[in-house]
């Protein structure tokens, strides 16, 4: 059941970040995107945010001196925000949608759009995101 709660909270983070992104895209007609952009961002952002969370939750052992990587709500928020932001901009770069410097700028902006709600959600629900015992699948 805790994994369902985590997925729902990651969905909430991605939805709130997508609302911020939507508002940014409404600021100027040059920022317009296809109608499929936002639903895809929510679906794939949630999927990849969850995958990033699971991967970084499992990381530990000798690489980190025997300690788990996700030990604070800030680290959880950074992982959930960075994973979809990096993958989104990587896809745009591979598809040659944008110039390299624009990719880096938008990577930073999308990261911040997800980090802002991610920070507050992860802080409020840190007991759901941070395990103190062995991993439960």
N, C-alpha and C. Protein backbone atom coordinates (compact mmCIF):
# COMPACT_ATOMS: atom_id res chain seq x y z
N UNK A 1 0.81 -1.20 0.00
CA UNK A 1 0.00 0.00 0.00
C UNK A 1 0.86 1.27 0.00
N UNK A 2 2.04 1.19 0.62
CA UNK A 2 2.89 2.38 0.67
C UNK A 2 3.37 2.78 -0.72
N UNK A 3 3.54 1.78 -1.60
CA UNK A 3 3.98 2.08 -2.97
C UNK A 3 2.89 2.82 -3.74
N UNK A 4 1.64 2.50 -3.49
CA UNK A 4 0.53 3.22 -4.13
C UNK A 4 0.52 4.67 -3.65
N UNK A 5 0.73 4.87 -2.36
CA UNK A 5 0.79 6.24 -1.83
C UNK A 5 1.94 7.01 -2.46
N UNK A 6 3.08 6.37 -2.62
CA UNK A 6 4.23 7.03 -3.24
C UNK A 6 3.93 7.42 -4.68
N UNK A 7 3.30 6.52 -5.42
CA UNK A 7 2.96 6.82 -6.82
C UNK A 7 1.99 7.99 -6.88
N UNK A 8 0.99 7.99 -6.02
CA UNK A 8 -0.01 9.07 -6.01
C UNK A 8 0.65 10.40 -5.65
N UNK A 9 1.57 10.38 -4.69
CA UNK A 9 2.25 11.63 -4.32
C UNK A 9 3.19 12.11 -5.42
N UNK A 10 3.83 11.19 -6.12
CA UNK A 10 4.67 11.58 -7.26
C UNK A 10 3.79 12.15 -8.37
N UNK A 11 2.63 11.55 -8.60
CA UNK A 11 1.67 12.10 -9.56
C UNK A 11 1.26 13.51 -9.16
N UNK A 12 1.03 13.74 -7.89
CA UNK A 12 0.68 15.08 -7.40
C UNK A 12 1.81 16.07 -7.68
N UNK A 13 3.04 15.67 -7.41
CA UNK A 13 4.20 16.53 -7.66
C UNK A 13 4.29 16.89 -9.14
N UNK A 14 4.14 15.88 -10.00
CA UNK A 14 4.25 16.11 -11.44
C UNK A 14 3.09 16.97 -11.93
N UNK A 15 1.89 16.75 -11.42
CA UNK A 15 0.74 17.57 -11.83
C UNK A 15 0.92 19.03 -11.41
N UNK A 16 1.38 19.26 -10.20
CA UNK A 16 1.61 20.64 -9.74
C UNK A 16 2.72 21.29 -10.56
N UNK A 17 3.79 20.55 -10.86
CA UNK A 17 4.86 21.08 -11.70
C UNK A 17 4.37 21.36 -13.11
N UNK A 18 3.47 20.53 -13.62
CA UNK A 18 2.92 20.74 -14.96
C UNK A 18 2.02 21.96 -14.99
N UNK A 19 1.31 22.24 -13.90
CA UNK A 19 0.52 23.47 -13.83
C UNK A 19 1.43 24.69 -13.92
N UNK A 20 2.55 24.66 -13.21
CA UNK A 20 3.52 25.76 -13.30
C UNK A 20 4.03 25.89 -14.74
N UNK A 21 4.34 24.75 -15.36
CA UNK A 21 4.81 24.74 -16.75
C UNK A 21 3.73 25.28 -17.69
N UNK A 22 2.49 24.89 -17.47
CA UNK A 22 1.37 25.38 -18.28
C UNK A 22 1.28 26.91 -18.20
N UNK A 23 1.38 27.44 -16.99
CA UNK A 23 1.32 28.89 -16.82
C UNK A 23 2.47 29.58 -17.53
N UNK A 24 3.65 28.97 -17.49
CA UNK A 24 4.81 29.53 -18.19
C UNK A 24 4.58 29.52 -19.70
N UNK A 25 3.99 28.46 -20.21
CA UNK A 25 3.74 28.37 -21.65
C UNK A 25 2.65 29.34 -22.10
N UNK A 26 1.79 29.79 -21.22
CA UNK A 26 0.73 30.73 -21.56
C UNK A 26 1.21 32.18 -21.58
N UNK A 27 2.44 32.42 -21.15
CA UNK A 27 2.96 33.79 -21.05
C UNK A 27 3.20 34.43 -22.42
N UNK A 28 3.49 33.62 -23.43
CA UNK A 28 3.83 34.17 -24.73
C UNK A 28 3.45 33.16 -25.82
N UNK A 29 2.91 33.62 -26.94
CA UNK A 29 2.54 32.68 -28.01
C UNK A 29 3.74 31.88 -28.56
N UNK A 30 4.94 32.42 -28.43
CA UNK A 30 6.11 31.68 -28.91
C UNK A 30 6.41 30.45 -28.07
N UNK A 31 5.82 30.39 -26.87
CA UNK A 31 6.04 29.25 -25.97
C UNK A 31 4.99 28.16 -26.16
N UNK A 32 4.16 28.29 -27.19
CA UNK A 32 3.07 27.32 -27.37
C UNK A 32 3.62 25.93 -27.68
N UNK A 33 2.87 24.93 -27.24
CA UNK A 33 3.24 23.52 -27.43
C UNK A 33 2.02 22.77 -27.93
N UNK A 34 2.21 21.59 -28.52
CA UNK A 34 1.05 20.80 -28.97
C UNK A 34 0.16 20.40 -27.79
N UNK A 35 -1.09 20.10 -28.09
CA UNK A 35 -2.05 19.77 -27.03
C UNK A 35 -1.69 18.48 -26.29
N UNK A 36 -0.88 17.63 -26.89
CA UNK A 36 -0.49 16.37 -26.24
C UNK A 36 0.66 16.56 -25.26
N UNK A 37 1.28 17.73 -25.25
CA UNK A 37 2.47 17.96 -24.42
C UNK A 37 2.21 17.75 -22.93
N UNK A 38 1.16 18.37 -22.42
CA UNK A 38 0.93 18.32 -20.98
C UNK A 38 0.44 16.95 -20.49
N UNK A 39 -0.53 16.29 -21.19
CA UNK A 39 -0.89 14.94 -20.74
C UNK A 39 0.30 13.97 -20.79
N UNK A 40 1.14 14.09 -21.81
CA UNK A 40 2.32 13.22 -21.88
C UNK A 40 3.30 13.53 -20.75
N UNK A 41 3.43 14.80 -20.44
CA UNK A 41 4.34 15.19 -19.36
C UNK A 41 3.86 14.60 -18.03
N UNK A 42 2.55 14.61 -17.80
CA UNK A 42 2.02 14.05 -16.56
C UNK A 42 2.23 12.54 -16.52
N UNK A 43 1.88 11.86 -17.60
CA UNK A 43 2.01 10.40 -17.63
C UNK A 43 3.46 9.96 -17.51
N UNK A 44 4.31 10.46 -18.40
CA UNK A 44 5.71 10.02 -18.39
C UNK A 44 6.51 10.62 -17.25
N UNK A 45 6.14 11.82 -16.83
CA UNK A 45 6.81 12.41 -15.66
C UNK A 45 6.56 11.59 -14.41
N UNK A 46 5.33 11.13 -14.24
CA UNK A 46 5.02 10.28 -13.09
C UNK A 46 5.76 8.95 -13.19
N UNK A 47 5.72 8.35 -14.37
CA UNK A 47 6.40 7.07 -14.57
C UNK A 47 7.89 7.20 -14.28
N UNK A 48 8.56 8.16 -14.90
CA UNK A 48 10.01 8.29 -14.73
C UNK A 48 10.38 8.84 -13.36
N UNK A 49 9.53 9.68 -12.78
CA UNK A 49 9.78 10.13 -11.41
C UNK A 49 9.75 8.97 -10.44
N UNK A 50 8.80 8.05 -10.65
CA UNK A 50 8.71 6.86 -9.79
C UNK A 50 9.90 5.94 -10.03
N UNK A 51 10.27 5.73 -11.29
CA UNK A 51 11.43 4.89 -11.60
C UNK A 51 12.69 5.47 -10.95
N UNK A 52 12.87 6.78 -11.07
CA UNK A 52 14.02 7.43 -10.43
C UNK A 52 14.01 7.24 -8.93
N UNK A 53 12.83 7.38 -8.33
CA UNK A 53 12.71 7.17 -6.88
C UNK A 53 13.10 5.75 -6.51
N UNK A 54 12.59 4.75 -7.25
CA UNK A 54 12.88 3.35 -6.94
C UNK A 54 14.37 3.06 -7.12
N UNK A 55 14.95 3.55 -8.21
CA UNK A 55 16.37 3.29 -8.47
C UNK A 55 17.24 3.91 -7.38
N UNK A 56 17.00 5.17 -7.06
CA UNK A 56 17.82 5.82 -6.04
C UNK A 56 17.51 5.33 -4.63
N UNK A 57 16.32 4.77 -4.41
CA UNK A 57 16.03 4.15 -3.12
C UNK A 57 16.84 2.88 -2.94
N UNK A 58 17.09 2.20 -4.04
CA UNK A 58 17.83 0.93 -3.98
C UNK A 58 19.34 1.13 -3.91
N UNK A 59 19.80 2.32 -4.33
CA UNK A 59 21.24 2.57 -4.33
C UNK A 59 21.74 2.66 -2.90
N UNK A 60 22.81 2.03 -2.66
CA UNK A 60 23.44 2.03 -1.34
C UNK A 60 24.69 1.18 -1.43
N UNK A 61 25.07 0.63 -0.35
CA UNK A 61 26.21 -0.27 -0.37
C UNK A 61 27.53 0.48 -0.45
N UNK A 62 28.50 -0.12 -1.09
CA UNK A 62 29.86 0.41 -1.08
C UNK A 62 29.98 1.76 -1.79
N UNK A 63 29.12 2.02 -2.79
CA UNK A 63 29.20 3.29 -3.52
C UNK A 63 28.95 4.48 -2.59
N UNK A 64 28.16 4.30 -1.57
CA UNK A 64 27.86 5.38 -0.63
C UNK A 64 28.29 5.03 0.78
N UNK A 65 29.30 4.22 0.90
CA UNK A 65 29.81 3.86 2.22
C UNK A 65 28.84 3.02 3.03
N UNK A 66 28.01 2.23 2.36
CA UNK A 66 27.06 1.38 3.05
C UNK A 66 25.78 2.09 3.45
N UNK A 67 25.62 3.36 3.08
CA UNK A 67 24.44 4.12 3.46
C UNK A 67 23.51 4.28 2.26
N UNK A 68 22.23 4.40 2.54
CA UNK A 68 21.25 4.66 1.48
C UNK A 68 21.42 6.10 0.99
N UNK A 69 21.11 6.30 -0.29
CA UNK A 69 21.24 7.64 -0.86
C UNK A 69 20.09 8.54 -0.45
N UNK A 70 18.86 8.05 -0.51
CA UNK A 70 17.70 8.88 -0.19
C UNK A 70 17.44 8.87 1.31
N UNK A 71 18.13 9.76 1.99
CA UNK A 71 18.02 9.82 3.45
C UNK A 71 17.29 11.07 3.94
N UNK A 72 17.03 12.02 3.04
CA UNK A 72 16.32 13.24 3.43
C UNK A 72 15.23 13.53 2.41
N UNK A 73 14.22 14.27 2.83
CA UNK A 73 13.14 14.61 1.90
C UNK A 73 13.64 15.50 0.77
N UNK A 74 14.70 16.30 1.00
CA UNK A 74 15.25 17.13 -0.07
C UNK A 74 15.86 16.26 -1.17
N UNK A 75 16.58 15.22 -0.78
CA UNK A 75 17.15 14.31 -1.79
C UNK A 75 16.05 13.60 -2.57
N UNK A 76 14.99 13.22 -1.88
CA UNK A 76 13.86 12.58 -2.57
C UNK A 76 13.26 13.55 -3.58
N UNK A 77 13.04 14.78 -3.17
CA UNK A 77 12.47 15.79 -4.07
C UNK A 77 13.38 16.05 -5.26
N UNK A 78 14.68 16.10 -5.04
CA UNK A 78 15.62 16.33 -6.14
C UNK A 78 15.58 15.19 -7.14
N UNK A 79 15.53 13.95 -6.65
CA UNK A 79 15.48 12.79 -7.56
C UNK A 79 14.18 12.80 -8.35
N UNK A 80 13.06 13.04 -7.68
CA UNK A 80 11.76 13.04 -8.37
C UNK A 80 11.68 14.18 -9.38
N UNK A 81 12.30 15.31 -9.10
CA UNK A 81 12.29 16.45 -10.03
C UNK A 81 13.29 16.28 -11.16
N UNK A 82 14.46 15.77 -10.85
CA UNK A 82 15.53 15.70 -11.85
C UNK A 82 15.32 14.61 -12.89
N UNK A 83 14.80 13.47 -12.48
CA UNK A 83 14.67 12.35 -13.41
C UNK A 83 13.81 12.70 -14.62
N UNK A 84 12.56 13.15 -14.45
CA UNK A 84 11.78 13.49 -15.65
C UNK A 84 12.32 14.70 -16.39
N UNK A 85 12.89 15.68 -15.67
CA UNK A 85 13.44 16.86 -16.34
C UNK A 85 14.61 16.48 -17.25
N UNK A 86 15.51 15.66 -16.75
CA UNK A 86 16.67 15.24 -17.55
C UNK A 86 16.22 14.40 -18.74
N UNK A 87 15.32 13.47 -18.52
CA UNK A 87 14.87 12.61 -19.62
C UNK A 87 14.09 13.39 -20.68
N UNK A 88 13.26 14.33 -20.27
CA UNK A 88 12.52 15.16 -21.21
C UNK A 88 13.46 15.97 -22.09
N UNK A 89 14.42 16.63 -21.49
CA UNK A 89 15.33 17.45 -22.27
C UNK A 89 16.29 16.60 -23.11
N UNK A 90 16.65 15.42 -22.63
CA UNK A 90 17.48 14.51 -23.42
C UNK A 90 16.74 14.10 -24.68
N UNK A 91 15.45 13.79 -24.53
CA UNK A 91 14.63 13.42 -25.69
C UNK A 91 14.59 14.57 -26.70
N UNK A 92 14.38 15.80 -26.22
CA UNK A 92 14.35 16.95 -27.12
C UNK A 92 15.69 17.16 -27.81
N UNK A 93 16.76 16.94 -27.10
CA UNK A 93 18.09 17.10 -27.68
C UNK A 93 18.33 16.05 -28.77
N UNK A 94 17.98 14.79 -28.49
CA UNK A 94 18.17 13.72 -29.47
C UNK A 94 17.32 13.97 -30.71
N UNK A 95 16.11 14.47 -30.51
CA UNK A 95 15.22 14.76 -31.63
C UNK A 95 15.53 16.08 -32.32
N UNK A 96 16.55 16.78 -31.81
CA UNK A 96 17.01 18.06 -32.36
C UNK A 96 15.90 19.13 -32.42
N UNK A 97 15.08 19.15 -31.36
CA UNK A 97 14.04 20.17 -31.28
C UNK A 97 14.61 21.53 -30.90
N UNK A 98 15.70 21.52 -30.14
CA UNK A 98 16.21 22.77 -29.59
C UNK A 98 17.73 22.81 -29.70
N UNK A 99 18.25 24.02 -29.64
CA UNK A 99 19.70 24.19 -29.61
C UNK A 99 20.24 23.69 -28.27
N UNK A 100 21.51 23.27 -28.23
CA UNK A 100 22.06 22.74 -26.97
C UNK A 100 21.94 23.69 -25.78
N UNK A 101 22.18 24.99 -25.96
CA UNK A 101 22.08 25.90 -24.81
C UNK A 101 20.64 26.05 -24.35
N UNK A 102 19.67 25.94 -25.27
CA UNK A 102 18.26 26.02 -24.89
C UNK A 102 17.89 24.77 -24.09
N UNK A 103 18.41 23.61 -24.49
CA UNK A 103 18.16 22.37 -23.76
C UNK A 103 18.62 22.51 -22.32
N UNK A 104 19.81 23.07 -22.11
CA UNK A 104 20.33 23.24 -20.75
C UNK A 104 19.48 24.23 -19.95
N UNK A 105 19.07 25.31 -20.58
CA UNK A 105 18.22 26.29 -19.89
C UNK A 105 16.89 25.66 -19.49
N UNK A 106 16.24 24.97 -20.44
CA UNK A 106 14.96 24.35 -20.14
C UNK A 106 15.09 23.19 -19.16
N UNK A 107 16.22 22.50 -19.18
CA UNK A 107 16.48 21.45 -18.19
C UNK A 107 16.42 22.06 -16.79
N UNK A 108 17.10 23.17 -16.62
CA UNK A 108 17.11 23.85 -15.33
C UNK A 108 15.71 24.33 -14.94
N UNK A 109 14.98 24.93 -15.91
CA UNK A 109 13.64 25.45 -15.62
C UNK A 109 12.65 24.33 -15.29
N UNK A 110 12.68 23.24 -16.07
CA UNK A 110 11.77 22.12 -15.78
C UNK A 110 12.12 21.48 -14.44
N UNK A 111 13.40 21.39 -14.14
CA UNK A 111 13.81 20.87 -12.84
C UNK A 111 13.21 21.71 -11.71
N UNK A 112 13.32 23.02 -11.83
CA UNK A 112 12.76 23.89 -10.79
C UNK A 112 11.25 23.79 -10.70
N UNK A 113 10.58 23.62 -11.86
CA UNK A 113 9.11 23.51 -11.87
C UNK A 113 8.64 22.27 -11.10
N UNK A 114 9.43 21.19 -11.16
CA UNK A 114 9.08 19.98 -10.42
C UNK A 114 9.62 20.02 -8.99
N UNK A 115 10.74 20.69 -8.79
CA UNK A 115 11.35 20.74 -7.46
C UNK A 115 10.51 21.55 -6.48
N UNK A 116 9.93 22.63 -6.94
CA UNK A 116 9.13 23.49 -6.05
C UNK A 116 8.00 22.70 -5.37
N UNK A 117 7.10 22.07 -6.11
CA UNK A 117 6.08 21.28 -5.40
C UNK A 117 6.67 20.02 -4.76
N UNK A 118 7.71 19.45 -5.38
CA UNK A 118 8.33 18.24 -4.83
C UNK A 118 8.89 18.46 -3.44
N UNK A 119 9.51 19.61 -3.23
CA UNK A 119 10.09 19.91 -1.93
C UNK A 119 9.02 19.91 -0.84
N UNK A 120 7.90 20.59 -1.10
CA UNK A 120 6.86 20.70 -0.08
C UNK A 120 6.12 19.39 0.13
N UNK A 121 5.84 18.66 -0.96
CA UNK A 121 5.14 17.37 -0.82
C UNK A 121 6.02 16.36 -0.10
N UNK A 122 7.29 16.30 -0.47
CA UNK A 122 8.20 15.34 0.18
C UNK A 122 8.45 15.70 1.64
N UNK A 123 8.46 16.98 1.95
CA UNK A 123 8.63 17.38 3.35
C UNK A 123 7.40 17.00 4.18
N UNK A 124 6.23 17.25 3.62
CA UNK A 124 4.99 16.94 4.35
C UNK A 124 4.80 15.43 4.53
N UNK A 125 5.19 14.65 3.52
CA UNK A 125 4.98 13.20 3.55
C UNK A 125 6.30 12.43 3.62
N UNK A 126 7.26 12.96 4.36
CA UNK A 126 8.57 12.31 4.44
C UNK A 126 8.48 10.91 5.05
N UNK A 127 7.49 10.69 5.91
CA UNK A 127 7.32 9.35 6.50
C UNK A 127 6.92 8.32 5.45
N UNK A 128 6.34 8.74 4.34
CA UNK A 128 5.97 7.83 3.26
C UNK A 128 7.16 7.57 2.34
N UNK A 129 7.96 8.61 2.08
CA UNK A 129 9.06 8.49 1.13
C UNK A 129 10.34 7.91 1.73
N UNK A 130 10.57 8.14 3.01
CA UNK A 130 11.82 7.71 3.62
C UNK A 130 11.61 6.47 4.45
N UNK A 131 12.23 5.38 4.01
CA UNK A 131 12.17 4.12 4.75
C UNK A 131 13.21 4.13 5.85
N UNK A 132 12.83 3.61 6.98
CA UNK A 132 13.81 3.44 8.06
C UNK A 132 14.18 1.98 8.21
N UNK A 133 13.39 1.09 7.62
CA UNK A 133 13.67 -0.34 7.71
C UNK A 133 14.11 -0.89 6.37
N UNK A 134 14.10 -2.22 6.25
CA UNK A 134 14.49 -2.83 4.99
C UNK A 134 13.48 -2.50 3.89
N UNK A 135 13.91 -2.49 2.62
CA UNK A 135 12.98 -2.16 1.53
C UNK A 135 11.85 -3.18 1.42
N UNK A 136 10.66 -2.65 1.15
CA UNK A 136 9.48 -3.49 1.00
C UNK A 136 8.97 -3.32 -0.42
N UNK A 137 8.87 -4.43 -1.15
CA UNK A 137 8.39 -4.36 -2.54
C UNK A 137 6.98 -4.88 -2.66
